[in-house]
Amino acid sequence: MTEFNLIICYSEYGYLVHKSVHSIFAYYGGPDFQKNDIRVNPALDALGALGDTGWYCIRAILWAADYELPNTVTALPDPELNEAGLILSCGSSLSWGDGKVATFYCSFLTNLTMDITALGSNGNLSVHAFVIPFRENVGPFYAAANSRFAELCIACEPIPSEHTVMTDFPQEALMVREFATLVRKISANGLAPDKKWPTLSRKTQAVLDAVKASIDNGFEPVKVVY
């Protein structure tokens, strides 16, 4: 995912205090996808859309929460399933117990959408292509601060500002370079493996597993266990 875009947002708009986050990652898989893709085969990928697009939604939410795990998650009723009982679309809410909340929606049945909106007390940030950018060398995001209704409540001000982050390499190349750097530190310098990425992955999976448990348990709240 393009966490690079989100990191730039956070560093430039540090006044943003996480109150609520909403993320969506969905794309429409046509008839052939729905029938033959490994993501809809319970023998190959038993989590369906939750394990694919839902992973990115959860990771984005955790980023906004500085990777603090929520206390509980509650899956939304009526997920869409295929004939094999695999998830084709679902949603969930997350709660930290201190006023912070989040929601996400993931789907194989909806037009391509990759949005995250992070809301704070004094501003908000929006990224419309947080997984795969619309253009591989440009990452736009939108920010608003101290928003208010204009006189007579006929408009809002100030107008949200658009920003673009340029990169010389696509995120896939940056991912390979990061991996190579981590390996080199171990093989050449004898350092212990970096725990950052395994930790973030495990936290993401812990939330994902709790969402699946909530679905299986009749959409009851489930405590996140890490």
C-alpha atoms as a PDB file:
ATOM      1  CA  MET A   1       0.000   0.000   0.000  1.00  0.00           C
ATOM      2  CA  THR A   2       1.149   3.564  -0.527  1.00  0.00           C
ATOM      3  CA  GLU A   3       1.834   4.332   3.120  1.00  0.00           C
ATOM      4  CA  PHE A   4       4.412   6.784   1.763  1.00  0.00           C
ATOM      5  CA  ASN A   5       1.574   9.119   0.780  1.00  0.00           C
ATOM      6  CA  LEU A   6       0.020   8.864   4.225  1.00  0.00           C
ATOM      7  CA  ILE A   7       3.318   9.435   6.015  1.00  0.00           C
ATOM      8  CA  ILE A   8       3.827  12.668   4.094  1.00  0.00           C
ATOM      9  CA  CYS A   9       0.315  13.756   5.101  1.00  0.00           C
ATOM     10  CA  TYR A  10       0.963  13.034   8.751  1.00  0.00           C
ATOM     11  CA  SER A  11       4.308  14.812   8.912  1.00  0.00           C
ATOM     12  CA  GLU A  12       2.984  17.948   7.245  1.00  0.00           C
ATOM     13  CA  TYR A  13      -0.282  18.074   9.192  1.00  0.00           C
ATOM     14  CA  GLY A  14       0.862  16.974  12.628  1.00  0.00           C
ATOM     15  CA  TYR A  15      -1.972  18.871  14.316  1.00  0.00           C
ATOM     16  CA  LEU A  16      -4.358  16.144  13.203  1.00  0.00           C
ATOM     17  CA  VAL A  17      -5.517  14.170  16.240  1.00  0.00           C
ATOM     18  CA  HIS A  18      -7.088  10.875  15.267  1.00  0.00           C
ATOM     19  CA  LYS A  19     -10.789  10.810  16.122  1.00  0.00           C
ATOM     20  CA  SER A  20     -12.243   8.755  13.293  1.00  0.00           C
ATOM     21  CA  VAL A  21     -10.976   6.961  10.204  1.00  0.00           C
ATOM     22  CA  HIS A  22     -12.923   5.520   7.292  1.00  0.00           C
ATOM     23  CA  SER A  23     -11.336   3.393   4.577  1.00  0.00           C
ATOM     24  CA  ILE A  24     -12.585   1.657   1.447  1.00  0.00           C
ATOM     25  CA  PHE A  25     -10.814  -0.677  -0.927  1.00  0.00           C
ATOM     26  CA  ALA A  26     -13.038  -2.302  -3.494  1.00  0.00           C
ATOM     27  CA  TYR A  27     -12.849  -3.461  -7.071  1.00  0.00           C
ATOM     28  CA  TYR A  28     -15.224  -5.315  -9.327  1.00  0.00           C
ATOM     29  CA  GLY A  29     -14.165  -8.804 -10.357  1.00  0.00           C
ATOM     30  CA  GLY A  30     -16.028  -9.893 -13.452  1.00  0.00           C
ATOM     31  CA  PRO A  31     -17.587 -13.311 -14.137  1.00  0.00           C
ATOM     32  CA  ASP A  32     -14.262 -15.039 -14.806  1.00  0.00           C
ATOM     33  CA  PHE A  33     -12.771 -13.605 -11.604  1.00  0.00           C
ATOM     34  CA  GLN A  34     -15.785 -14.642  -9.562  1.00  0.00           C
ATOM     35  CA  LYS A  35     -15.493 -18.195 -10.893  1.00  0.00           C
ATOM     36  CA  ASN A  36     -11.766 -18.897 -11.205  1.00  0.00           C
ATOM     37  CA  ASP A  37      -9.619 -16.491  -9.198  1.00  0.00           C
ATOM     38  CA  ILE A  38      -7.779 -17.924  -6.183  1.00  0.00           C
ATOM     39  CA  ARG A  39      -9.275 -15.154  -4.026  1.00  0.00           C
ATOM     40  CA  VAL A  40     -12.734 -16.688  -4.342  1.00  0.00           C
ATOM     41  CA  ASN A  41     -11.654 -20.292  -3.829  1.00  0.00           C
ATOM     42  CA  PRO A  42     -11.987 -21.398  -0.185  1.00  0.00           C
ATOM     43  CA  ALA A  43      -9.285 -24.033  -0.685  1.00  0.00           C
ATOM     44  CA  LEU A  44      -6.765 -21.382  -1.748  1.00  0.00           C
ATOM     45  CA  ASP A  45      -7.770 -18.176   0.077  1.00  0.00           C
ATOM     46  CA  ALA A  46     -10.457 -18.722   2.682  1.00  0.00           C
ATOM     47  CA  LEU A  47     -10.818 -15.057   3.680  1.00  0.00           C
ATOM     48  CA  GLY A  48     -11.987 -13.719   0.312  1.00  0.00           C
ATOM     49  CA  ALA A  49     -12.349  -9.959   0.049  1.00  0.00           C
ATOM     50  CA  LEU A  50     -11.591  -9.537   3.753  1.00  0.00           C
ATOM     51  CA  GLY A  51      -8.197 -11.181   3.343  1.00  0.00           C
ATOM     52  CA  ASP A  52      -7.411  -9.237   0.176  1.00  0.00           C
ATOM     53  CA  THR A  53      -8.845  -5.729   0.067  1.00  0.00           C
ATOM     54  CA  GLY A  54      -9.781  -5.696   3.751  1.00  0.00           C
ATOM     55  CA  TRP A  55      -6.120  -6.097   4.736  1.00  0.00           C
ATOM     56  CA  TYR A  56      -5.264  -2.749   3.135  1.00  0.00           C
ATOM     57  CA  CYS A  57      -8.208  -1.007   4.793  1.00  0.00           C
ATOM     58  CA  ILE A  58      -7.169  -2.273   8.218  1.00  0.00           C
ATOM     59  CA  ARG A  59      -3.508  -1.358   7.711  1.00  0.00           C
ATOM     60  CA  ALA A  60      -4.497   2.190   6.723  1.00  0.00           C
ATOM     61  CA  ILE A  61      -6.659   2.521   9.829  1.00  0.00           C
ATOM     62  CA  LEU A  62      -3.849   1.274  12.063  1.00  0.00           C
ATOM     63  CA  TRP A  63      -1.453   3.744  10.448  1.00  0.00           C
ATOM     64  CA  ALA A  64      -3.783   6.604  11.378  1.00  0.00           C
ATOM     65  CA  ALA A  65      -3.933   5.268  14.950  1.00  0.00           C
ATOM     66  CA  ASP A  66      -0.125   5.106  15.147  1.00  0.00           C
ATOM     67  CA  TYR A  67      -0.548   1.318  15.122  1.00  0.00           C
ATOM     68  CA  GLU A  68      -2.399   1.277  18.426  1.00  0.00           C
ATOM     69  CA  LEU A  69      -4.703  -1.720  18.259  1.00  0.00           C
ATOM     70  CA  PRO A  70      -8.439  -1.200  18.787  1.00  0.00           C
ATOM     71  CA  ASN A  71     -10.033  -2.848  21.795  1.00  0.00           C
ATOM     72  CA  THR A  72     -12.882  -4.425  19.866  1.00  0.00           C
ATOM     73  CA  VAL A  73     -14.210  -4.858  16.356  1.00  0.00           C
ATOM     74  CA  THR A  74     -17.800  -5.456  15.284  1.00  0.00           C
ATOM     75  CA  ALA A  75     -18.489  -6.746  11.788  1.00  0.00           C
ATOM     76  CA  LEU A  76     -21.425  -5.178   9.984  1.00  0.00           C
ATOM     77  CA  PRO A  77     -24.379  -7.481   9.226  1.00  0.00           C
ATOM     78  CA  ASP A  78     -25.175  -8.909   5.804  1.00  0.00           C
ATOM     79  CA  PRO A  79     -21.782  -9.564   4.205  1.00  0.00           C
ATOM     80  CA  GLU A  80     -22.118 -10.808   0.624  1.00  0.00           C
ATOM     81  CA  LEU A  81     -20.926 -14.386   0.068  1.00  0.00           C
ATOM     82  CA  ASN A  82     -20.443 -16.596  -2.960  1.00  0.00           C
ATOM     83  CA  GLU A  83     -21.890 -20.081  -3.327  1.00  0.00           C
ATOM     84  CA  ALA A  84     -18.936 -21.554  -1.427  1.00  0.00           C
ATOM     85  CA  GLY A  85     -19.605 -19.208   1.500  1.00  0.00           C
ATOM     86  CA  LEU A  86     -16.571 -17.017   0.784  1.00  0.00           C
ATOM     87  CA  ILE A  87     -16.739 -13.289   1.576  1.00  0.00           C
ATOM     88  CA  LEU A  88     -17.222 -11.093  -1.502  1.00  0.00           C
ATOM     89  CA  SER A  89     -17.918  -7.907   0.444  1.00  0.00           C
ATOM     90  CA  CYS A  90     -18.108  -6.926   4.090  1.00  0.00           C
ATOM     91  CA  GLY A  91     -17.595  -4.088   6.515  1.00  0.00           C
ATOM     92  CA  SER A  92     -16.682  -3.540  10.128  1.00  0.00           C
ATOM     93  CA  SER A  93     -16.396  -0.950  12.851  1.00  0.00           C
ATOM     94  CA  LEU A  94     -13.433  -0.648  15.225  1.00  0.00           C
ATOM     95  CA  SER A  95     -13.385   0.930  18.676  1.00  0.00           C
ATOM     96  CA  TRP A  96     -10.493   1.972  20.906  1.00  0.00           C
ATOM     97  CA  GLY A  97     -12.595   2.674  23.989  1.00  0.00           C
ATOM     98  CA  ASP A  98     -11.460   6.295  24.295  1.00  0.00           C
ATOM     99  CA  GLY A  99     -13.664   7.936  21.678  1.00  0.00           C
ATOM    100  CA  LYS A 100     -11.625   6.891  18.647  1.00  0.00           C
ATOM    101  CA  VAL A 101     -13.568   4.855  16.104  1.00  0.00           C
ATOM    102  CA  ALA A 102     -13.069   3.607  12.562  1.00  0.00           C
ATOM    103  CA  THR A 103     -14.966   1.800   9.833  1.00  0.00           C
ATOM    104  CA  PHE A 104     -13.992   0.039   6.639  1.00  0.00           C
ATOM    105  CA  TYR A 105     -15.648  -1.564   3.633  1.00  0.00           C
ATOM    106  CA  CYS A 106     -13.970  -4.091   1.336  1.00  0.00           C
ATOM    107  CA  SER A 107     -15.441  -5.726  -1.738  1.00  0.00           C
ATOM    108  CA  PHE A 108     -14.993  -7.656  -4.975  1.00  0.00           C
ATOM    109  CA  LEU A 109     -18.370  -6.365  -6.165  1.00  0.00           C
ATOM    110  CA  THR A 110     -17.903  -2.590  -6.284  1.00  0.00           C
ATOM    111  CA  ASN A 111     -16.261  -0.246  -8.768  1.00  0.00           C
ATOM    112  CA  LEU A 112     -12.567   0.367  -8.061  1.00  0.00           C
ATOM    113  CA  THR A 113     -12.323   2.611  -4.987  1.00  0.00           C
ATOM    114  CA  MET A 114      -9.283   3.151  -2.743  1.00  0.00           C
ATOM    115  CA  ASP A 115     -10.202   5.910  -0.280  1.00  0.00           C
ATOM    116  CA  ILE A 116      -9.123   6.753   3.227  1.00  0.00           C
ATOM    117  CA  THR A 117     -10.347   9.724   5.246  1.00  0.00           C
ATOM    118  CA  ALA A 118      -8.781  10.529   8.607  1.00  0.00           C
ATOM    119  CA  LEU A 119     -10.688  12.968  10.813  1.00  0.00           C
ATOM    120  CA  GLY A 120      -9.248  14.956  13.682  1.00  0.00           C
ATOM    121  CA  SER A 121     -10.284  17.726  16.007  1.00  0.00           C
ATOM    122  CA  ASN A 122      -8.745  20.479  13.878  1.00  0.00           C
ATOM    123  CA  GLY A 123      -8.514  19.005  10.397  1.00  0.00           C
ATOM    124  CA  ASN A 124      -8.907  16.063   8.086  1.00  0.00           C
ATOM    125  CA  LEU A 125      -6.978  14.270   5.367  1.00  0.00           C
ATOM    126  CA  SER A 126      -8.232  12.345   2.350  1.00  0.00           C
ATOM    127  CA  VAL A 127      -6.371  10.097  -0.062  1.00  0.00           C
ATOM    128  CA  HIS A 128      -8.282   8.722  -3.043  1.00  0.00           C
ATOM    129  CA  ALA A 129      -5.747   6.130  -4.206  1.00  0.00           C
ATOM    130  CA  PHE A 130      -4.002   4.892  -1.094  1.00  0.00           C
ATOM    131  CA  VAL A 131      -3.356   1.373  -2.401  1.00  0.00           C
ATOM    132  CA  ILE A 132      -2.328   1.846  -6.045  1.00  0.00           C
ATOM    133  CA  PRO A 133      -1.986   5.470  -7.177  1.00  0.00           C
ATOM    134  CA  PHE A 134      -3.868   6.643 -10.249  1.00  0.00           C
ATOM    135  CA  ARG A 135      -0.453   7.606 -11.665  1.00  0.00           C
ATOM    136  CA  GLU A 136       2.566   5.676 -10.429  1.00  0.00           C
ATOM    137  CA  ASN A 137       4.825   8.723  -9.939  1.00  0.00           C
ATOM    138  CA  VAL A 138       2.285  11.057  -8.320  1.00  0.00           C
ATOM    139  CA  GLY A 139       0.450  10.708  -5.027  1.00  0.00           C
ATOM    140  CA  PRO A 140      -2.172  13.401  -4.401  1.00  0.00           C
ATOM    141  CA  PHE A 141      -3.922  14.025  -1.105  1.00  0.00           C
ATOM    142  CA  TYR A 142      -6.348  16.607   0.232  1.00  0.00           C
ATOM    143  CA  ALA A 143      -6.208  18.449   3.532  1.00  0.00           C
ATOM    144  CA  ALA A 144      -8.524  20.768   5.411  1.00  0.00           C
ATOM    145  CA  ALA A 145      -7.887  22.631   8.643  1.00  0.00           C
ATOM    146  CA  ASN A 146     -10.055  24.696  10.972  1.00  0.00           C
ATOM    147  CA  SER A 147     -13.040  24.213   8.667  1.00  0.00           C
ATOM    148  CA  ARG A 148     -16.189  26.162   9.363  1.00  0.00           C
ATOM    149  CA  PHE A 149     -19.445  27.248   7.801  1.00  0.00           C
ATOM    150  CA  ALA A 150     -19.286  30.485   5.872  1.00  0.00           C
ATOM    151  CA  GLU A 151     -21.635  33.366   6.620  1.00  0.00           C
ATOM    152  CA  LEU A 152     -25.303  32.343   6.386  1.00  0.00           C
ATOM    153  CA  CYS A 153     -24.121  28.715   6.122  1.00  0.00           C
ATOM    154  CA  ILE A 154     -24.249  28.824   2.324  1.00  0.00           C
ATOM    155  CA  ALA A 155     -20.719  27.447   1.896  1.00  0.00           C
ATOM    156  CA  CYS A 156     -17.738  26.143   3.849  1.00  0.00           C
ATOM    157  CA  GLU A 157     -14.319  27.682   4.335  1.00  0.00           C
ATOM    158  CA  PRO A 158     -11.446  27.451   3.861  1.00  0.00           C
ATOM    159  CA  ILE A 159     -11.553  25.280   0.765  1.00  0.00           C
ATOM    160  CA  PRO A 160      -9.605  22.009   1.217  1.00  0.00           C
ATOM    161  CA  SER A 161      -6.151  22.164  -0.319  1.00  0.00           C
ATOM    162  CA  GLU A 162      -4.770  19.615  -2.783  1.00  0.00           C
ATOM    163  CA  HIS A 163      -1.183  18.446  -2.468  1.00  0.00           C
ATOM    164  CA  THR A 164       0.909  16.126  -4.614  1.00  0.00           C
ATOM    165  CA  VAL A 165       3.836  13.946  -3.615  1.00  0.00           C
ATOM    166  CA  MET A 166       6.211  13.099  -6.459  1.00  0.00           C
ATOM    167  CA  THR A 167       8.363   9.991  -6.484  1.00  0.00           C
ATOM    168  CA  ASP A 168      11.104   8.829  -8.830  1.00  0.00           C
ATOM    169  CA  PHE A 169      10.271   5.153  -8.292  1.00  0.00           C
ATOM    170  CA  PRO A 170       6.965   3.273  -8.142  1.00  0.00           C
ATOM    171  CA  GLN A 171       6.058   1.770  -4.796  1.00  0.00           C
ATOM    172  CA  GLU A 172       6.841  -1.758  -6.044  1.00  0.00           C
ATOM    173  CA  ALA A 173      10.456  -0.723  -6.678  1.00  0.00           C
ATOM    174  CA  LEU A 174      10.639   0.946  -3.261  1.00  0.00           C
ATOM    175  CA  MET A 175       9.319  -2.234  -1.664  1.00  0.00           C
ATOM    176  CA  VAL A 176      12.027  -4.349  -3.305  1.00  0.00           C
ATOM    177  CA  ARG A 177      14.671  -1.827  -2.296  1.00  0.00           C
ATOM    178  CA  GLU A 178      13.467  -1.859   1.316  1.00  0.00           C
ATOM    179  CA  PHE A 179      13.531  -5.657   1.364  1.00  0.00           C
ATOM    180  CA  ALA A 180      17.043  -5.735  -0.092  1.00  0.00           C
ATOM    181  CA  THR A 181      18.213  -3.213   2.515  1.00  0.00           C
ATOM    182  CA  LEU A 182      16.836  -5.350   5.333  1.00  0.00           C
ATOM    183  CA  VAL A 183      18.531  -8.475   3.978  1.00  0.00           C
ATOM    184  CA  ARG A 184      21.833  -6.642   3.507  1.00  0.00           C
ATOM    185  CA  LYS A 185      21.803  -5.470   7.123  1.00  0.00           C
ATOM    186  CA  ILE A 186      21.553  -9.083   8.238  1.00  0.00           C
ATOM    187  CA  SER A 187      23.962 -10.719   5.789  1.00  0.00           C
ATOM    188  CA  ALA A 188      26.623  -8.013   5.591  1.00  0.00           C
ATOM    189  CA  ASN A 189      26.454  -6.445   9.026  1.00  0.00           C
ATOM    190  CA  GLY A 190      25.323  -9.382  11.146  1.00  0.00           C
ATOM    191  CA  LEU A 191      22.388  -7.443  12.579  1.00  0.00           C
ATOM    192  CA  ALA A 192      19.259  -9.087  13.937  1.00  0.00           C
ATOM    193  CA  PRO A 193      16.219  -9.031  11.632  1.00  0.00           C
ATOM    194  CA  ASP A 194      14.260  -5.779  11.785  1.00  0.00           C
ATOM    195  CA  LYS A 195      11.006  -6.344  13.710  1.00  0.00           C
ATOM    196  CA  LYS A 196       9.087  -3.399  12.239  1.00  0.00           C
ATOM    197  CA  TRP A 197       7.351  -5.113   9.321  1.00  0.00           C
ATOM    198  CA  PRO A 198       6.591  -8.414  11.090  1.00  0.00           C
ATOM    199  CA  THR A 199       5.063  -6.432  13.967  1.00  0.00           C
ATOM    200  CA  LEU A 200       2.867  -4.335  11.678  1.00  0.00           C
ATOM    201  CA  SER A 201       1.800  -7.407   9.734  1.00  0.00           C
ATOM    202  CA  ARG A 202       0.908  -9.303  12.886  1.00  0.00           C
ATOM    203  CA  LYS A 203      -1.139  -6.375  14.211  1.00  0.00           C
ATOM    204  CA  THR A 204      -3.008  -6.118  10.908  1.00  0.00           C
ATOM    205  CA  GLN A 205      -3.732  -9.837  10.941  1.00  0.00           C
ATOM    206  CA  ALA A 206      -4.924  -9.686  14.557  1.00  0.00           C
ATOM    207  CA  VAL A 207      -7.579  -7.124  13.620  1.00  0.00           C
ATOM    208  CA  LEU A 208      -8.522  -9.041  10.476  1.00  0.00           C
ATOM    209  CA  ASP A 209      -8.940 -12.266  12.463  1.00  0.00           C
ATOM    210  CA  ALA A 210     -11.182 -10.455  14.953  1.00  0.00           C
ATOM    211  CA  VAL A 211     -13.400  -9.178  12.125  1.00  0.00           C
ATOM    212  CA  LYS A 212     -13.733 -12.711  10.742  1.00  0.00           C
ATOM    213  CA  ALA A 213     -14.577 -13.999  14.241  1.00  0.00           C
ATOM    214  CA  SER A 214     -17.255 -11.320  14.580  1.00  0.00           C
ATOM    215  CA  ILE A 215     -18.804 -12.417  11.279  1.00  0.00           C
ATOM    216  CA  ASP A 216     -18.744 -16.053  12.372  1.00  0.00           C
ATOM    217  CA  ASN A 217     -20.230 -15.181  15.788  1.00  0.00           C
ATOM    218  CA  GLY A 218     -23.292 -13.372  14.488  1.00  0.00           C
ATOM    219  CA  PHE A 219     -21.745  -9.881  14.283  1.00  0.00           C
ATOM    220  CA  GLU A 220     -21.081  -9.634  17.985  1.00  0.00           C
ATOM    221  CA  PRO A 221     -18.199  -7.438  19.260  1.00  0.00           C
ATOM    222  CA  VAL A 222     -14.913  -9.336  19.408  1.00  0.00           C
ATOM    223  CA  LYS A 223     -11.881  -8.337  21.445  1.00  0.00           C
ATOM    224  CA  VAL A 224      -8.682  -7.923  19.463  1.00  0.00           C
ATOM    225  CA  VAL A 225      -6.044 -10.356  20.718  1.00  0.00           C
ATOM    226  CA  TYR A 226      -2.397  -9.688  19.864  1.00  0.00           C
END
